[in-house]
């Protein structure tokens, strides 16, 4: 499954966003506002940990353009994971669990 992750060439903070969104349940039709998603996944902590200076909206926009997140045609006012986003997040979780054992 790791080929999926390499194909997208994600930055570590982008991987963390996908995993946290999956764990928080922002999948498909279960979308929420951009601000609510950022708060639920702890964007400020992620940005601090990985030294990201960009705002959550610009990082999310990049993930939307890659097809991993969707804004449901609402001009970045809401977000949720796409099927591909869920697959990548699940592969990342699997890799992380595999490296811990």
C-alpha atoms as a PDB file:
ATOM      1  CA  UNK A   1       0.000   0.000   0.000  1.00  0.00           C
ATOM      2  CA  UNK A   2       2.930   2.385   0.424  1.00  0.00           C
ATOM      3  CA  UNK A   3       2.955   3.024  -3.325  1.00  0.00           C
ATOM      4  CA  UNK A   4      -0.161   5.152  -2.837  1.00  0.00           C
ATOM      5  CA  UNK A   5       1.681   7.514  -0.520  1.00  0.00           C
ATOM      6  CA  UNK A   6       4.763   7.834  -2.726  1.00  0.00           C
ATOM      7  CA  UNK A   7       2.543   8.585  -5.721  1.00  0.00           C
ATOM      8  CA  UNK A   8       1.155  11.691  -4.011  1.00  0.00           C
ATOM      9  CA  UNK A   9       4.505  12.918  -2.662  1.00  0.00           C
ATOM     10  CA  UNK A  10       3.017  14.316   0.524  1.00  0.00           C
ATOM     11  CA  UNK A  11       4.803  16.455   3.071  1.00  0.00           C
ATOM     12  CA  UNK A  12       4.823  15.099   6.671  1.00  0.00           C
ATOM     13  CA  UNK A  13       2.334  17.744   7.858  1.00  0.00           C
ATOM     14  CA  UNK A  14      -0.036  16.828   5.013  1.00  0.00           C
ATOM     15  CA  UNK A  15       0.138  13.171   6.015  1.00  0.00           C
ATOM     16  CA  UNK A  16      -0.656  14.150   9.597  1.00  0.00           C
ATOM     17  CA  UNK A  17      -3.699  16.156   8.459  1.00  0.00           C
ATOM     18  CA  UNK A  18      -5.110  13.181   6.548  1.00  0.00           C
ATOM     19  CA  UNK A  19      -4.611  10.776   9.454  1.00  0.00           C
ATOM     20  CA  UNK A  20      -6.149  13.165  11.981  1.00  0.00           C
ATOM     21  CA  UNK A  21      -9.118  13.908   9.716  1.00  0.00           C
ATOM     22  CA  UNK A  22      -9.795  10.184   9.349  1.00  0.00           C
ATOM     23  CA  UNK A  23      -9.577   9.656  13.105  1.00  0.00           C
ATOM     24  CA  UNK A  24     -11.970  12.578  13.688  1.00  0.00           C
ATOM     25  CA  UNK A  25     -14.456  11.175  11.163  1.00  0.00           C
ATOM     26  CA  UNK A  26     -14.376  13.861   8.464  1.00  0.00           C
ATOM     27  CA  UNK A  27     -15.130  11.407   5.662  1.00  0.00           C
ATOM     28  CA  UNK A  28     -17.335  11.808   2.581  1.00  0.00           C
ATOM     29  CA  UNK A  29     -20.657  13.402   3.469  1.00  0.00           C
ATOM     30  CA  UNK A  30     -19.561  14.019   7.075  1.00  0.00           C
ATOM     31  CA  UNK A  31     -18.014  17.368   6.266  1.00  0.00           C
ATOM     32  CA  UNK A  32     -17.530  20.392   8.494  1.00  0.00           C
ATOM     33  CA  UNK A  33     -16.429  23.973   8.157  1.00  0.00           C
ATOM     34  CA  UNK A  34     -12.794  24.725   7.496  1.00  0.00           C
ATOM     35  CA  UNK A  35     -12.432  26.291  10.950  1.00  0.00           C
ATOM     36  CA  UNK A  36     -14.023  23.334  12.722  1.00  0.00           C
ATOM     37  CA  UNK A  37     -11.774  20.850  10.911  1.00  0.00           C
ATOM     38  CA  UNK A  38      -8.662  22.902  11.737  1.00  0.00           C
ATOM     39  CA  UNK A  39      -9.659  23.042  15.413  1.00  0.00           C
ATOM     40  CA  UNK A  40     -10.598  19.336  15.616  1.00  0.00           C
ATOM     41  CA  UNK A  41      -7.324  18.106  14.121  1.00  0.00           C
ATOM     42  CA  UNK A  42      -5.210  20.536  16.127  1.00  0.00           C
ATOM     43  CA  UNK A  43      -3.764  22.443  13.167  1.00  0.00           C
ATOM     44  CA  UNK A  44      -1.794  24.835  15.358  1.00  0.00           C
ATOM     45  CA  UNK A  45       0.007  21.919  17.006  1.00  0.00           C
ATOM     46  CA  UNK A  46       0.692  20.259  13.632  1.00  0.00           C
ATOM     47  CA  UNK A  47       2.021  23.521  12.180  1.00  0.00           C
ATOM     48  CA  UNK A  48       4.251  24.067  15.204  1.00  0.00           C
ATOM     49  CA  UNK A  49       5.558  20.484  15.205  1.00  0.00           C
ATOM     50  CA  UNK A  50       6.453  20.503  11.509  1.00  0.00           C
ATOM     51  CA  UNK A  51       7.479  24.162  11.238  1.00  0.00           C
ATOM     52  CA  UNK A  52       4.742  25.057   8.761  1.00  0.00           C
ATOM     53  CA  UNK A  53       4.164  28.761   8.270  1.00  0.00           C
ATOM     54  CA  UNK A  54       1.283  28.427   5.796  1.00  0.00           C
ATOM     55  CA  UNK A  55      -2.311  28.808   6.911  1.00  0.00           C
ATOM     56  CA  UNK A  56      -4.517  25.723   7.137  1.00  0.00           C
ATOM     57  CA  UNK A  57      -6.641  26.916   4.215  1.00  0.00           C
ATOM     58  CA  UNK A  58      -3.698  26.992   1.796  1.00  0.00           C
ATOM     59  CA  UNK A  59      -2.494  23.540   2.882  1.00  0.00           C
ATOM     60  CA  UNK A  60      -6.040  22.184   2.575  1.00  0.00           C
ATOM     61  CA  UNK A  61      -6.377  23.764  -0.875  1.00  0.00           C
ATOM     62  CA  UNK A  62      -3.295  21.837  -2.009  1.00  0.00           C
ATOM     63  CA  UNK A  63      -4.816  18.582  -0.731  1.00  0.00           C
ATOM     64  CA  UNK A  64      -8.095  19.394  -2.501  1.00  0.00           C
ATOM     65  CA  UNK A  65      -6.217  19.955  -5.770  1.00  0.00           C
ATOM     66  CA  UNK A  66      -4.559  16.539  -5.333  1.00  0.00           C
ATOM     67  CA  UNK A  67      -7.946  14.888  -4.848  1.00  0.00           C
ATOM     68  CA  UNK A  68      -7.360  13.811  -1.242  1.00  0.00           C
ATOM     69  CA  UNK A  69      -9.836  16.275   0.269  1.00  0.00           C
ATOM     70  CA  UNK A  70     -13.034  17.722  -1.133  1.00  0.00           C
ATOM     71  CA  UNK A  71     -14.743  21.017  -0.475  1.00  0.00           C
ATOM     72  CA  UNK A  72     -18.044  19.745  -1.923  1.00  0.00           C
ATOM     73  CA  UNK A  73     -18.119  22.658  -4.387  1.00  0.00           C
ATOM     74  CA  UNK A  74     -18.447  25.190  -1.590  1.00  0.00           C
ATOM     75  CA  UNK A  75     -15.309  27.266  -2.266  1.00  0.00           C
ATOM     76  CA  UNK A  76     -13.216  25.867   0.594  1.00  0.00           C
ATOM     77  CA  UNK A  77     -15.871  26.638   3.220  1.00  0.00           C
ATOM     78  CA  UNK A  78     -16.208  22.943   4.146  1.00  0.00           C
ATOM     79  CA  UNK A  79     -13.865  19.927   3.975  1.00  0.00           C
ATOM     80  CA  UNK A  80     -13.886  16.150   4.159  1.00  0.00           C
ATOM     81  CA  UNK A  81     -11.710  13.278   2.964  1.00  0.00           C
ATOM     82  CA  UNK A  82     -12.290  11.731  -0.463  1.00  0.00           C
ATOM     83  CA  UNK A  83     -12.018   7.991  -1.088  1.00  0.00           C
ATOM     84  CA  UNK A  84      -8.400   8.454  -2.121  1.00  0.00           C
ATOM     85  CA  UNK A  85      -7.765  10.534   1.008  1.00  0.00           C
ATOM     86  CA  UNK A  86      -9.187   7.758   3.177  1.00  0.00           C
ATOM     87  CA  UNK A  87      -7.040   5.158   1.398  1.00  0.00           C
ATOM     88  CA  UNK A  88      -3.875   7.188   1.884  1.00  0.00           C
ATOM     89  CA  UNK A  89      -4.704   7.908   5.551  1.00  0.00           C
ATOM     90  CA  UNK A  90      -5.379   4.206   6.195  1.00  0.00           C
ATOM     91  CA  UNK A  91      -2.097   3.256   4.503  1.00  0.00           C
ATOM     92  CA  UNK A  92      -0.256   5.793   6.649  1.00  0.00           C
ATOM     93  CA  UNK A  93      -1.838   4.431   9.821  1.00  0.00           C
ATOM     94  CA  UNK A  94      -0.927   0.898   8.753  1.00  0.00           C
ATOM     95  CA  UNK A  95       2.670   1.946   8.070  1.00  0.00           C
ATOM     96  CA  UNK A  96       2.960   3.712  11.407  1.00  0.00           C
ATOM     97  CA  UNK A  97       1.584   0.730  13.299  1.00  0.00           C
ATOM     98  CA  UNK A  98       3.913  -1.581  11.377  1.00  0.00           C
ATOM     99  CA  UNK A  99       6.958   0.497  12.226  1.00  0.00           C
ATOM    100  CA  UNK A 100       6.070   0.529  15.937  1.00  0.00           C
ATOM    101  CA  UNK A 101       6.060  -3.268  16.226  1.00  0.00           C
END
